């Protein structure tokens, strides 16, 4: 029985470690995406031309895509934590994150398709 308890503890520690790595990865992705978006926004402000609207829309969609990627990492972390110690609060949070991620990805995909059809009509 002692071996089983040690195994459970090891699995819980490992799952928590992986979930923390996933959360850190999400934070780093968000930080890099925000830095890139800020840099690109500054370039749009400095270089005024008629492609500004396209650049702004592209910037916004790219940032949204990176945010969706970071949400995937956060969802993975929450799945791990919920799998080792599920409570109704944890399950509710997991459901909310999954719903937000799904909605974000759905609307992001629609906007990406709309942008592609505007940039490449007939395809």
PDB file of N, CA and C in Angstrom:
ATOM      1  N   UNK A   1       0.825  -1.205   0.000  1.00  0.00           N
ATOM      2  CA  UNK A   1       0.000   0.000   0.000  1.00  0.00           C
ATOM      3  C   UNK A   1       0.866   1.264   0.000  1.00  0.00           C
ATOM      4  N   UNK A   2       2.039   1.182   0.629  1.00  0.00           N
ATOM      5  CA  UNK A   2       2.937   2.327   0.688  1.00  0.00           C
ATOM      6  C   UNK A   2       3.424   2.712  -0.713  1.00  0.00           C
ATOM      7  N   UNK A   3       3.665   1.695  -1.554  1.00  0.00           N
ATOM      8  CA  UNK A   3       4.096   1.944  -2.921  1.00  0.00           C
ATOM      9  C   UNK A   3       3.037   2.714  -3.700  1.00  0.00           C
ATOM     10  N   UNK A   4       1.770   2.361  -3.526  1.00  0.00           N
ATOM     11  CA  UNK A   4       0.664   3.036  -4.218  1.00  0.00           C
ATOM     12  C   UNK A   4       0.583   4.500  -3.786  1.00  0.00           C
ATOM     13  N   UNK A   5       0.733   4.763  -2.506  1.00  0.00           N
ATOM     14  CA  UNK A   5       0.693   6.143  -2.005  1.00  0.00           C
ATOM     15  C   UNK A   5       1.849   6.954  -2.569  1.00  0.00           C
ATOM     16  N   UNK A   6       3.029   6.343  -2.640  1.00  0.00           N
ATOM     17  CA  UNK A   6       4.191   7.038  -3.210  1.00  0.00           C
ATOM     18  C   UNK A   6       3.980   7.304  -4.694  1.00  0.00           C
ATOM     19  N   UNK A   7       3.408   6.342  -5.383  1.00  0.00           N
ATOM     20  CA  UNK A   7       3.134   6.512  -6.814  1.00  0.00           C
ATOM     21  C   UNK A   7       2.135   7.645  -7.046  1.00  0.00           C
ATOM     22  N   UNK A   8       1.065   7.678  -6.238  1.00  0.00           N
ATOM     23  CA  UNK A   8       0.080   8.765  -6.356  1.00  0.00           C
ATOM     24  C   UNK A   8       0.730  10.118  -6.100  1.00  0.00           C
ATOM     25  N   UNK A   9       1.563  10.195  -5.087  1.00  0.00           N
ATOM     26  CA  UNK A   9       2.255  11.448  -4.775  1.00  0.00           C
ATOM     27  C   UNK A   9       3.160  11.861  -5.922  1.00  0.00           C
ATOM     28  N   UNK A  10       3.882  10.901  -6.489  1.00  0.00           N
ATOM     29  CA  UNK A  10       4.776  11.198  -7.622  1.00  0.00           C
ATOM     30  C   UNK A  10       3.988  11.705  -8.826  1.00  0.00           C
ATOM     31  N   UNK A  11       2.863  11.078  -9.097  1.00  0.00           N
ATOM     32  CA  UNK A  11       2.024  11.501 -10.226  1.00  0.00           C
ATOM     33  C   UNK A  11       1.499  12.917  -9.982  1.00  0.00           C
ATOM     34  N   UNK A  12       1.062  13.198  -8.772  1.00  0.00           N
ATOM     35  CA  UNK A  12       0.550  14.536  -8.447  1.00  0.00           C
ATOM     36  C   UNK A  12       1.646  15.589  -8.578  1.00  0.00           C
ATOM     37  N   UNK A  13       2.837  15.301  -8.080  1.00  0.00           N
ATOM     38  CA  UNK A  13       3.954  16.245  -8.187  1.00  0.00           C
ATOM     39  C   UNK A  13       4.316  16.463  -9.650  1.00  0.00           C
ATOM     40  N   UNK A  14       4.387  15.370 -10.418  1.00  0.00           N
ATOM     41  CA  UNK A  14       4.700  15.492 -11.840  1.00  0.00           C
ATOM     42  C   UNK A  14       3.654  16.287 -12.604  1.00  0.00           C
ATOM     43  N   UNK A  15       2.394  16.015 -12.316  1.00  0.00           N
ATOM     44  CA  UNK A  15       1.315  16.740 -12.998  1.00  0.00           C
ATOM     45  C   UNK A  15       1.343  18.223 -12.630  1.00  0.00           C
ATOM     46  N   UNK A  16       1.598  18.534 -11.379  1.00  0.00           N
ATOM     47  CA  UNK A  16       1.688  19.946 -10.973  1.00  0.00           C
ATOM     48  C   UNK A  16       2.861  20.638 -11.661  1.00  0.00           C
ATOM     49  N   UNK A  17       3.989  19.935 -11.757  1.00  0.00           N
ATOM     50  CA  UNK A  17       5.162  20.501 -12.429  1.00  0.00           C
ATOM     51  C   UNK A  17       4.846  20.810 -13.890  1.00  0.00           C
ATOM     52  N   UNK A  18       4.269  19.833 -14.587  1.00  0.00           N
ATOM     53  CA  UNK A  18       3.933  20.034 -15.999  1.00  0.00           C
ATOM     54  C   UNK A  18       2.911  21.153 -16.150  1.00  0.00           C
ATOM     55  N   UNK A  19       1.946  21.230 -15.238  1.00  0.00           N
ATOM     56  CA  UNK A  19       0.954  22.299 -15.327  1.00  0.00           C
ATOM     57  C   UNK A  19       1.595  23.669 -15.108  1.00  0.00           C
ATOM     58  N   UNK A  20       2.567  23.750 -14.209  1.00  0.00           N
ATOM     59  CA  UNK A  20       3.265  25.029 -13.999  1.00  0.00           C
ATOM     60  C   UNK A  20       4.097  25.406 -15.229  1.00  0.00           C
ATOM     61  N   UNK A  21       4.715  24.409 -15.865  1.00  0.00           N
ATOM     62  CA  UNK A  21       5.460  24.668 -17.100  1.00  0.00           C
ATOM     63  C   UNK A  21       4.513  25.175 -18.188  1.00  0.00           C
ATOM     64  N   UNK A  22       3.331  24.576 -18.286  1.00  0.00           N
ATOM     65  CA  UNK A  22       2.343  25.013 -19.286  1.00  0.00           C
ATOM     66  C   UNK A  22       1.873  26.433 -18.995  1.00  0.00           C
ATOM     67  N   UNK A  23       1.647  26.756 -17.718  1.00  0.00           N
ATOM     68  CA  UNK A  23       1.232  28.114 -17.358  1.00  0.00           C
ATOM     69  C   UNK A  23       2.341  29.122 -17.657  1.00  0.00           C
ATOM     70  N   UNK A  24       3.584  28.762 -17.353  1.00  0.00           N
ATOM     71  CA  UNK A  24       4.710  29.640 -17.658  1.00  0.00           C
ATOM     72  C   UNK A  24       4.835  29.830 -19.168  1.00  0.00           C
ATOM     73  N   UNK A  25       4.653  28.759 -19.918  1.00  0.00           N
ATOM     74  CA  UNK A  25       4.705  28.850 -21.380  1.00  0.00           C
ATOM     75  C   UNK A  25       3.644  29.806 -21.903  1.00  0.00           C
ATOM     76  N   UNK A  26       2.443  29.719 -21.352  1.00  0.00           N
ATOM     77  CA  UNK A  26       1.363  30.621 -21.765  1.00  0.00           C
ATOM     78  C   UNK A  26       1.733  32.069 -21.478  1.00  0.00           C
ATOM     79  N   UNK A  27       2.293  32.314 -20.309  1.00  0.00           N
ATOM     80  CA  UNK A  27       2.693  33.686 -19.953  1.00  0.00           C
ATOM     81  C   UNK A  27       3.781  34.206 -20.891  1.00  0.00           C
ATOM     82  N   UNK A  28       4.748  33.349 -21.227  1.00  0.00           N
ATOM     83  CA  UNK A  28       5.814  33.768 -22.140  1.00  0.00           C
ATOM     84  C   UNK A  28       5.290  34.028 -23.545  1.00  0.00           C
ATOM     85  N   UNK A  29       4.358  33.193 -23.990  1.00  0.00           N
ATOM     86  CA  UNK A  29       3.749  33.396 -25.310  1.00  0.00           C
ATOM     87  C   UNK A  29       3.001  34.721 -25.345  1.00  0.00           C
ATOM     88  N   UNK A  30       2.238  35.001 -24.296  1.00  0.00           N
ATOM     89  CA  UNK A  30       1.494  36.263 -24.241  1.00  0.00           C
ATOM     90  C   UNK A  30       2.452  37.442 -24.227  1.00  0.00           C
ATOM     91  N   UNK A  31       3.510  37.354 -23.424  1.00  0.00           N
ATOM     92  CA  UNK A  31       4.482  38.451 -23.345  1.00  0.00           C
ATOM     93  C   UNK A  31       5.136  38.697 -24.701  1.00  0.00           C
ATOM     94  N   UNK A  32       5.538  37.626 -25.381  1.00  0.00           N
ATOM     95  CA  UNK A  32       6.166  37.783 -26.696  1.00  0.00           C
ATOM     96  C   UNK A  32       5.176  38.337 -27.718  1.00  0.00           C
ATOM     97  N   UNK A  33       3.945  37.858 -27.677  1.00  0.00           N
ATOM     98  CA  UNK A  33       2.928  38.335 -28.623  1.00  0.00           C
ATOM     99  C   UNK A  33       2.617  39.812 -28.393  1.00  0.00           C
ATOM    100  N   UNK A  34       2.518  40.217 -27.143  1.00  0.00           N
ATOM    101  CA  UNK A  34       2.254  41.627 -26.840  1.00  0.00           C
ATOM    102  C   UNK A  34       3.432  42.490 -27.284  1.00  0.00           C
ATOM    103  N   UNK A  35       4.656  42.027 -27.047  1.00  0.00           N
ATOM    104  CA  UNK A  35       5.832  42.790 -27.479  1.00  0.00           C
ATOM    105  C   UNK A  35       5.857  42.943 -28.997  1.00  0.00           C
ATOM    106  N   UNK A  36       5.578  41.842 -29.709  1.00  0.00           N
ATOM    107  CA  UNK A  36       5.548  41.916 -31.165  1.00  0.00           C
ATOM    108  C   UNK A  36       4.431  42.847 -31.647  1.00  0.00           C
ATOM    109  N   UNK A  37       3.251  42.728 -31.049  1.00  0.00           N
ATOM    110  CA  UNK A  37       2.124  43.571 -31.456  1.00  0.00           C
ATOM    111  C   UNK A  37       2.423  45.041 -31.172  1.00  0.00           C
ATOM    112  N   UNK A  38       3.045  45.310 -30.035  1.00  0.00           N
ATOM    113  CA  UNK A  38       3.403  46.703 -29.707  1.00  0.00           C
ATOM    114  C   UNK A  38       4.397  47.247 -30.721  1.00  0.00           C
ATOM    115  N   UNK A  39       5.404  46.451 -31.060  1.00  0.00           N
ATOM    116  CA  UNK A  39       6.397  46.884 -32.043  1.00  0.00           C
ATOM    117  C   UNK A  39       5.742  47.167 -33.393  1.00  0.00           C
ATOM    118  N   UNK A  40       4.895  46.247 -33.834  1.00  0.00           N
ATOM    119  CA  UNK A  40       4.222  46.430 -35.119  1.00  0.00           C
ATOM    120  C   UNK A  40       3.273  47.626 -35.086  1.00  0.00           C
ATOM    121  N   UNK A  41       2.612  47.859 -33.957  1.00  0.00           N
ATOM    122  CA  UNK A  41       1.718  49.021 -33.832  1.00  0.00           C
ATOM    123  C   UNK A  41       2.516  50.312 -33.910  1.00  0.00           C
ATOM    124  N   UNK A  42       3.661  50.338 -33.258  1.00  0.00           N
ATOM    125  CA  UNK A  42       4.510  51.535 -33.330  1.00  0.00           C
ATOM    126  C   UNK A  42       4.960  51.800 -34.762  1.00  0.00           C
ATOM    127  N   UNK A  43       5.289  50.751 -35.496  1.00  0.00           N
ATOM    128  CA  UNK A  43       5.684  50.925 -36.896  1.00  0.00           C
ATOM    129  C   UNK A  43       4.540  51.483 -37.742  1.00  0.00           C
ATOM    130  N   UNK A  44       3.322  51.056 -37.456  1.00  0.00           N
ATOM    131  CA  UNK A  44       2.154  51.581 -38.190  1.00  0.00           C
ATOM    132  C   UNK A  44       1.996  53.064 -37.899  1.00  0.00           C
ATOM    133  N   UNK A  45       2.202  53.457 -36.633  1.00  0.00           N
ATOM    134  CA  UNK A  45       2.078  54.878 -36.289  1.00  0.00           C
ATOM    135  C   UNK A  45       3.162  55.713 -36.952  1.00  0.00           C
ATOM    136  N   UNK A  46       4.374  55.166 -37.049  1.00  0.00           N
ATOM    137  CA  UNK A  46       5.493  55.916 -37.619  1.00  0.00           C
ATOM    138  C   UNK A  46       5.389  55.988 -39.134  1.00  0.00           C
ATOM    139  N   UNK A  47       5.061  54.878 -39.771  1.00  0.00           N
ATOM    140  CA  UNK A  47       4.983  54.810 -41.229  1.00  0.00           C
ATOM    141  C   UNK A  47       3.539  54.912 -41.678  1.00  0.00           C
ATOM    142  N   UNK A  48       3.074  56.085 -41.845  1.00  0.00           N
ATOM    143  CA  UNK A  48       1.683  56.281 -42.284  1.00  0.00           C
ATOM    144  C   UNK A  48       1.591  56.070 -43.792  1.00  0.00           C
ATOM    145  N   UNK A  49       0.757  55.116 -44.186  1.00  0.00           N
ATOM    146  CA  UNK A  49       0.434  54.929 -45.599  1.00  0.00           C
ATOM    147  C   UNK A  49      -0.941  54.289 -45.694  1.00  0.00           C
ATOM    148  N   UNK A  50      -1.373  53.999 -46.903  1.00  0.00           N
ATOM    149  CA  UNK A  50      -2.744  53.522 -47.042  1.00  0.00           C
ATOM    150  C   UNK A  50      -2.916  52.054 -46.671  1.00  0.00           C
ATOM    151  N   UNK A  51      -1.850  51.354 -46.396  1.00  0.00           N
ATOM    152  CA  UNK A  51      -1.955  49.952 -45.981  1.00  0.00           C
ATOM    153  C   UNK A  51      -2.149  49.828 -44.465  1.00  0.00           C
ATOM    154  N   UNK A  52      -2.326  50.958 -43.791  1.00  0.00           N
ATOM    155  CA  UNK A  52      -2.458  50.946 -42.330  1.00  0.00           C
ATOM    156  C   UNK A  52      -3.587  50.044 -41.848  1.00  0.00           C
ATOM    157  N   UNK A  53      -4.744  50.121 -42.491  1.00  0.00           N
ATOM    158  CA  UNK A  53      -5.881  49.322 -42.045  1.00  0.00           C
ATOM    159  C   UNK A  53      -5.595  47.825 -42.166  1.00  0.00           C
ATOM    160  N   UNK A  54      -4.964  47.428 -43.267  1.00  0.00           N
ATOM    161  CA  UNK A  54      -4.607  46.019 -43.436  1.00  0.00           C
ATOM    162  C   UNK A  54      -3.600  45.585 -42.376  1.00  0.00           C
ATOM    163  N   UNK A  55      -2.634  46.440 -42.095  1.00  0.00           N
ATOM    164  CA  UNK A  55      -1.622  46.104 -41.079  1.00  0.00           C
ATOM    165  C   UNK A  55      -2.251  46.005 -39.695  1.00  0.00           C
ATOM    166  N   UNK A  56      -3.158  46.918 -39.392  1.00  0.00           N
ATOM    167  CA  UNK A  56      -3.829  46.871 -38.090  1.00  0.00           C
ATOM    168  C   UNK A  56      -4.654  45.602 -37.947  1.00  0.00           C
ATOM    169  N   UNK A  57      -5.385  45.256 -38.995  1.00  0.00           N
ATOM    170  CA  UNK A  57      -6.207  44.054 -38.938  1.00  0.00           C
ATOM    171  C   UNK A  57      -5.326  42.810 -38.825  1.00  0.00           C
ATOM    172  N   UNK A  58      -4.237  42.775 -39.575  1.00  0.00           N
ATOM    173  CA  UNK A  58      -3.310  41.653 -39.509  1.00  0.00           C
ATOM    174  C   UNK A  58      -2.687  41.551 -38.119  1.00  0.00           C
ATOM    175  N   UNK A  59      -2.316  42.691 -37.562  1.00  0.00           N
ATOM    176  CA  UNK A  59      -1.741  42.729 -36.216  1.00  0.00           C
ATOM    177  C   UNK A  59      -2.731  42.179 -35.196  1.00  0.00           C
ATOM    178  N   UNK A  60      -3.951  42.616 -35.283  1.00  0.00           N
ATOM    179  CA  UNK A  60      -4.987  42.181 -34.338  1.00  0.00           C
ATOM    180  C   UNK A  60      -5.253  40.687 -34.453  1.00  0.00           C
ATOM    181  N   UNK A  61      -5.333  40.193 -35.692  1.00  0.00           N
ATOM    182  CA  UNK A  61      -5.571  38.762 -35.888  1.00  0.00           C
ATOM    183  C   UNK A  61      -4.388  37.924 -35.425  1.00  0.00           C
ATOM    184  N   UNK A  62      -3.172  38.391 -35.697  1.00  0.00           N
ATOM    185  CA  UNK A  62      -1.989  37.655 -35.241  1.00  0.00           C
ATOM    186  C   UNK A  62      -1.932  37.609 -33.718  1.00  0.00           C
ATOM    187  N   UNK A  63      -2.226  38.723 -33.077  1.00  0.00           N
ATOM    188  CA  UNK A  63      -2.250  38.740 -31.611  1.00  0.00           C
ATOM    189  C   UNK A  63      -3.327  37.797 -31.090  1.00  0.00           C
ATOM    190  N   UNK A  64      -4.481  37.811 -31.721  1.00  0.00           N
ATOM    191  CA  UNK A  64      -5.557  36.903 -31.322  1.00  0.00           C
ATOM    192  C   UNK A  64      -5.166  35.445 -31.467  1.00  0.00           C
ATOM    193  N   UNK A  65      -4.435  35.129 -32.536  1.00  0.00           N
ATOM    194  CA  UNK A  65      -3.981  33.742 -32.737  1.00  0.00           C
ATOM    195  C   UNK A  65      -3.029  33.316 -31.622  1.00  0.00           C
ATOM    196  N   UNK A  66      -2.112  34.201 -31.257  1.00  0.00           N
ATOM    197  CA  UNK A  66      -1.172  33.867 -30.171  1.00  0.00           C
ATOM    198  C   UNK A  66      -1.902  33.746 -28.838  1.00  0.00           C
ATOM    199  N   UNK A  67      -2.903  34.581 -28.629  1.00  0.00           N
ATOM    200  CA  UNK A  67      -3.688  34.450 -27.399  1.00  0.00           C
ATOM    201  C   UNK A  67      -4.429  33.117 -27.371  1.00  0.00           C
ATOM    202  N   UNK A  68      -4.911  32.681 -28.524  1.00  0.00           N
ATOM    203  CA  UNK A  68      -5.582  31.376 -28.598  1.00  0.00           C
ATOM    204  C   UNK A  68      -4.595  30.250 -28.286  1.00  0.00           C
ATOM    205  N   UNK A  69      -3.367  30.372 -28.775  1.00  0.00           N
ATOM    206  CA  UNK A  69      -2.342  29.367 -28.468  1.00  0.00           C
ATOM    207  C   UNK A  69      -2.070  29.338 -26.962  1.00  0.00           C
ATOM    208  N   UNK A  70      -1.963  30.515 -26.362  1.00  0.00           N
ATOM    209  CA  UNK A  70      -1.705  30.557 -24.919  1.00  0.00           C
ATOM    210  C   UNK A  70      -2.877  29.976 -24.129  1.00  0.00           C
ATOM    211  N   UNK A  71      -4.087  30.185 -24.617  1.00  0.00           N
ATOM    212  CA  UNK A  71      -5.242  29.576 -23.956  1.00  0.00           C
ATOM    213  C   UNK A  71      -5.187  28.053 -24.028  1.00  0.00           C
ATOM    214  N   UNK A  72      -4.643  27.519 -25.109  1.00  0.00           N
ATOM    215  CA  UNK A  72      -4.477  26.067 -25.222  1.00  0.00           C
ATOM    216  C   UNK A  72      -3.530  25.559 -24.132  1.00  0.00           C
ATOM    217  N   UNK A  73      -2.445  26.281 -23.899  1.00  0.00           N
ATOM    218  CA  UNK A  73      -1.520  25.897 -22.838  1.00  0.00           C
ATOM    219  C   UNK A  73      -2.192  25.971 -21.472  1.00  0.00           C
ATOM    220  N   UNK A  74      -2.964  27.027 -21.243  1.00  0.00           N
ATOM    221  CA  UNK A  74      -3.659  27.159 -19.964  1.00  0.00           C
ATOM    222  C   UNK A  74      -4.707  26.069 -19.786  1.00  0.00           C
ATOM    223  N   UNK A  75      -5.376  25.718 -20.862  1.00  0.00           N
ATOM    224  CA  UNK A  75      -6.350  24.635 -20.801  1.00  0.00           C
ATOM    225  C   UNK A  75      -5.658  23.317 -20.459  1.00  0.00           C
ATOM    226  N   UNK A  76      -4.502  23.076 -21.058  1.00  0.00           N
ATOM    227  CA  UNK A  76      -3.741  21.858 -20.746  1.00  0.00           C
ATOM    228  C   UNK A  76      -3.357  21.824 -19.270  1.00  0.00           C
ATOM    229  N   UNK A  77      -2.916  22.954 -18.747  1.00  0.00           N
ATOM    230  CA  UNK A  77      -2.556  23.023 -17.321  1.00  0.00           C
ATOM    231  C   UNK A  77      -3.762  22.738 -16.448  1.00  0.00           C
ATOM    232  N   UNK A  78      -4.893  23.319 -16.795  1.00  0.00           N
ATOM    233  CA  UNK A  78      -6.101  23.101 -15.994  1.00  0.00           C
ATOM    234  C   UNK A  78      -6.599  21.656 -16.087  1.00  0.00           C
ATOM    235  N   UNK A  79      -6.459  21.045 -17.249  1.00  0.00           N
ATOM    236  CA  UNK A  79      -6.850  19.640 -17.394  1.00  0.00           C
ATOM    237  C   UNK A  79      -5.997  18.771 -16.482  1.00  0.00           C
ATOM    238  N   UNK A  80      -4.697  19.029 -16.463  1.00  0.00           N
ATOM    239  CA  UNK A  80      -3.812  18.257 -15.582  1.00  0.00           C
ATOM    240  C   UNK A  80      -4.197  18.422 -14.117  1.00  0.00           C
ATOM    241  N   UNK A  81      -4.405  19.660 -13.708  1.00  0.00           N
ATOM    242  CA  UNK A  81      -4.737  19.899 -12.300  1.00  0.00           C
ATOM    243  C   UNK A  81      -6.100  19.318 -11.942  1.00  0.00           C
ATOM    244  N   UNK A  82      -7.041  19.386 -12.853  1.00  0.00           N
ATOM    245  CA  UNK A  82      -8.367  18.838 -12.593  1.00  0.00           C
ATOM    246  C   UNK A  82      -8.315  17.308 -12.543  1.00  0.00           C
ATOM    247  N   UNK A  83      -7.436  16.720 -13.324  1.00  0.00           N
ATOM    248  CA  UNK A  83      -7.336  15.262 -13.356  1.00  0.00           C
ATOM    249  C   UNK A  83      -6.782  14.692 -12.052  1.00  0.00           C
ATOM    250  N   UNK A  84      -5.909  15.458 -11.368  1.00  0.00           N
ATOM    251  CA  UNK A  84      -5.312  14.905 -10.153  1.00  0.00           C
ATOM    252  C   UNK A  84      -6.089  15.242  -8.889  1.00  0.00           C
ATOM    253  N   UNK A  85      -6.816  16.329  -8.884  1.00  0.00           N
ATOM    254  CA  UNK A  85      -7.561  16.715  -7.677  1.00  0.00           C
ATOM    255  C   UNK A  85      -8.830  17.455  -8.071  1.00  0.00           C
ATOM    256  N   UNK A  86      -9.783  16.741  -8.678  1.00  0.00           N
ATOM    257  CA  UNK A  86     -10.968  17.451  -9.170  1.00  0.00           C
ATOM    258  C   UNK A  86     -11.903  17.906  -8.043  1.00  0.00           C
ATOM    259  N   UNK A  87     -12.291  19.150  -8.137  1.00  0.00           N
ATOM    260  CA  UNK A  87     -13.354  19.680  -7.285  1.00  0.00           C
ATOM    261  C   UNK A  87     -14.358  20.329  -8.225  1.00  0.00           C
ATOM    262  N   UNK A  88     -15.532  20.625  -7.727  1.00  0.00           N
ATOM    263  CA  UNK A  88     -16.532  21.256  -8.596  1.00  0.00           C
ATOM    264  C   UNK A  88     -16.055  22.619  -9.061  1.00  0.00           C
ATOM    265  N   UNK A  89     -15.313  23.314  -8.226  1.00  0.00           N
ATOM    266  CA  UNK A  89     -14.763  24.614  -8.615  1.00  0.00           C
ATOM    267  C   UNK A  89     -13.774  24.440  -9.772  1.00  0.00           C
ATOM    268  N   UNK A  90     -12.890  23.433  -9.667  1.00  0.00           N
ATOM    269  CA  UNK A  90     -11.924  23.166 -10.729  1.00  0.00           C
ATOM    270  C   UNK A  90     -12.620  22.779 -12.034  1.00  0.00           C
ATOM    271  N   UNK A  91     -13.633  21.938 -11.916  1.00  0.00           N
ATOM    272  CA  UNK A  91     -14.364  21.510 -13.107  1.00  0.00           C
ATOM    273  C   UNK A  91     -15.086  22.694 -13.755  1.00  0.00           C
ATOM    274  N   UNK A  92     -15.643  23.581 -12.938  1.00  0.00           N
ATOM    275  CA  UNK A  92     -16.298  24.782 -13.462  1.00  0.00           C
ATOM    276  C   UNK A  92     -15.321  25.694 -14.180  1.00  0.00           C
ATOM    277  N   UNK A  93     -14.135  25.882 -13.583  1.00  0.00           N
ATOM    278  CA  UNK A  93     -13.101  26.706 -14.233  1.00  0.00           C
ATOM    279  C   UNK A  93     -12.664  26.091 -15.553  1.00  0.00           C
ATOM    280  N   UNK A  94     -12.482  24.779 -15.553  1.00  0.00           N
ATOM    281  CA  UNK A  94     -12.080  24.092 -16.774  1.00  0.00           C
ATOM    282  C   UNK A  94     -13.137  24.267 -17.863  1.00  0.00           C
ATOM    283  N   UNK A  95     -14.401  24.141 -17.487  1.00  0.00           N
ATOM    284  CA  UNK A  95     -15.485  24.338 -18.447  1.00  0.00           C
ATOM    285  C   UNK A  95     -15.515  25.760 -18.997  1.00  0.00           C
ATOM    286  N   UNK A  96     -15.306  26.739 -18.120  1.00  0.00           N
ATOM    287  CA  UNK A  96     -15.301  28.143 -18.556  1.00  0.00           C
ATOM    288  C   UNK A  96     -14.141  28.407 -19.511  1.00  0.00           C
ATOM    289  N   UNK A  97     -12.961  27.899 -19.184  1.00  0.00           N
ATOM    290  CA  UNK A  97     -11.802  28.105 -20.051  1.00  0.00           C
ATOM    291  C   UNK A  97     -12.023  27.429 -21.396  1.00  0.00           C
ATOM    292  N   UNK A  98     -12.551  26.219 -21.379  1.00  0.00           N
ATOM    293  CA  UNK A  98     -12.823  25.513 -22.639  1.00  0.00           C
ATOM    294  C   UNK A  98     -13.845  26.280 -23.480  1.00  0.00           C
ATOM    295  N   UNK A  99     -14.848  26.830 -22.846  1.00  0.00           N
ATOM    296  CA  UNK A  99     -15.865  27.599 -23.565  1.00  0.00           C
ATOM    297  C   UNK A  99     -15.261  28.873 -24.167  1.00  0.00           C
ATOM    298  N   UNK A 100     -14.479  29.586 -23.390  1.00  0.00           N
ATOM    299  CA  UNK A 100     -13.832  30.807 -23.886  1.00  0.00           C
ATOM    300  C   UNK A 100     -12.909  30.493 -25.049  1.00  0.00           C
ATOM    301  N   UNK A 101     -12.104  29.436 -24.903  1.00  0.00           N
ATOM    302  CA  UNK A 101     -11.167  29.052 -25.953  1.00  0.00           C
ATOM    303  C   UNK A 101     -11.906  28.678 -27.230  1.00  0.00           C
ATOM    304  N   UNK A 102     -12.969  27.921 -27.093  1.00  0.00           N
ATOM    305  CA  UNK A 102     -13.746  27.508 -28.253  1.00  0.00           C
ATOM    306  C   UNK A 102     -14.371  28.711 -28.951  1.00  0.00           C
ATOM    307  N   UNK A 103     -14.943  29.620 -28.178  1.00  0.00           N
ATOM    308  CA  UNK A 103     -15.551  30.823 -28.764  1.00  0.00           C
ATOM    309  C   UNK A 103     -14.495  31.690 -29.443  1.00  0.00           C
ATOM    310  N   UNK A 104     -13.351  31.877 -28.776  1.00  0.00           N
ATOM    311  CA  UNK A 104     -12.281  32.682 -29.355  1.00  0.00           C
ATOM    312  C   UNK A 104     -11.794  32.076 -30.656  1.00  0.00           C
ATOM    313  N   UNK A 105     -11.552  30.775 -30.665  1.00  0.00           N
ATOM    314  CA  UNK A 105     -11.088  30.121 -31.885  1.00  0.00           C
ATOM    315  C   UNK A 105     -12.125  30.194 -33.003  1.00  0.00           C
ATOM    316  N   UNK A 106     -13.406  30.050 -32.665  1.00  0.00           N
ATOM    317  CA  UNK A 106     -14.466  30.124 -33.671  1.00  0.00           C
ATOM    318  C   UNK A 106     -14.489  31.502 -34.339  1.00  0.00           C
ATOM    319  N   UNK A 107     -14.525  32.545 -33.517  1.00  0.00           N
ATOM    320  CA  UNK A 107     -14.605  33.893 -34.083  1.00  0.00           C
ATOM    321  C   UNK A 107     -13.307  34.300 -34.774  1.00  0.00           C
ATOM    322  N   UNK A 108     -12.190  33.848 -34.255  1.00  0.00           N
ATOM    323  CA  UNK A 108     -10.913  34.127 -34.901  1.00  0.00           C
ATOM    324  C   UNK A 108     -10.849  33.472 -36.273  1.00  0.00           C
ATOM    325  N   UNK A 109     -11.335  32.237 -36.378  1.00  0.00           N
ATOM    326  CA  UNK A 109     -11.365  31.540 -37.661  1.00  0.00           C
ATOM    327  C   UNK A 109     -12.264  32.276 -38.652  1.00  0.00           C
ATOM    328  N   UNK A 110     -13.421  32.754 -38.187  1.00  0.00           N
ATOM    329  CA  UNK A 110     -14.326  33.504 -39.070  1.00  0.00           C
ATOM    330  C   UNK A 110     -13.653  34.786 -39.560  1.00  0.00           C
ATOM    331  N   UNK A 111     -12.972  35.503 -38.675  1.00  0.00           N
ATOM    332  CA  UNK A 111     -12.299  36.739 -39.075  1.00  0.00           C
ATOM    333  C   UNK A 111     -11.144  36.455 -40.025  1.00  0.00           C
ATOM    334  N   UNK A 112     -10.417  35.377 -39.796  1.00  0.00           N
ATOM    335  CA  UNK A 112      -9.318  35.009 -40.679  1.00  0.00           C
ATOM    336  C   UNK A 112      -9.836  34.680 -42.073  1.00  0.00           C
ATOM    337  N   UNK A 113     -10.931  33.933 -42.147  1.00  0.00           N
ATOM    338  CA  UNK A 113     -11.530  33.618 -43.441  1.00  0.00           C
ATOM    339  C   UNK A 113     -12.012  34.881 -44.143  1.00  0.00           C
ATOM    340  N   UNK A 114     -12.614  35.807 -43.388  1.00  0.00           N
ATOM    341  CA  UNK A 114     -13.085  37.060 -43.979  1.00  0.00           C
ATOM    342  C   UNK A 114     -11.922  37.892 -44.496  1.00  0.00           C
ATOM    343  N   UNK A 115     -10.840  37.942 -43.729  1.00  0.00           N
ATOM    344  CA  UNK A 115      -9.660  38.697 -44.164  1.00  0.00           C
ATOM    345  C   UNK A 115      -9.062  38.062 -45.416  1.00  0.00           C
ATOM    346  N   UNK A 116      -8.981  36.747 -45.440  1.00  0.00           N
ATOM    347  CA  UNK A 116      -8.420  36.058 -46.612  1.00  0.00           C
ATOM    348  C   UNK A 116      -9.280  36.312 -47.849  1.00  0.00           C
ATOM    349  N   UNK A 117     -10.584  36.330 -47.698  1.00  0.00           N
ATOM    350  CA  UNK A 117     -11.462  36.571 -48.856  1.00  0.00           C
ATOM    351  C   UNK A 117     -11.364  38.021 -49.334  1.00  0.00           C
ATOM    352  N   UNK A 118     -11.101  38.948 -48.407  1.00  0.00           N
ATOM    353  CA  UNK A 118     -10.914  40.356 -48.820  1.00  0.00           C
ATOM    354  C   UNK A 118      -9.579  40.542 -49.534  1.00  0.00           C
ATOM    355  N   UNK A 119      -8.531  39.864 -49.052  1.00  0.00           N
ATOM    356  CA  UNK A 119      -7.212  40.021 -49.651  1.00  0.00           C
ATOM    357  C   UNK A 119      -7.083  39.229 -50.947  1.00  0.00           C
ATOM    358  N   UNK A 120      -7.779  38.096 -51.045  1.00  0.00           N
ATOM    359  CA  UNK A 120      -7.687  37.231 -52.221  1.00  0.00           C
ATOM    360  C   UNK A 120      -9.083  36.876 -52.701  1.00  0.00           C
ATOM    361  N   UNK A 121      -9.793  37.820 -53.320  1.00  0.00           N
ATOM    362  CA  UNK A 121     -11.148  37.532 -53.782  1.00  0.00           C
ATOM    363  C   UNK A 121     -11.136  36.422 -54.847  1.00  0.00           C
ATOM    364  N   UNK A 122     -12.149  35.567 -54.771  1.00  0.00           N
ATOM    365  CA  UNK A 122     -12.282  34.501 -55.761  1.00  0.00           C
ATOM    366  C   UNK A 122     -11.627  33.213 -55.360  1.00  0.00           C
ATOM    367  N   UNK A 123     -10.885  33.196 -54.241  1.00  0.00           N
ATOM    368  CA  UNK A 123     -10.244  31.948 -53.808  1.00  0.00           C
ATOM    369  C   UNK A 123     -11.070  31.284 -52.757  1.00  0.00           C
TER     370      UNK A 123
END
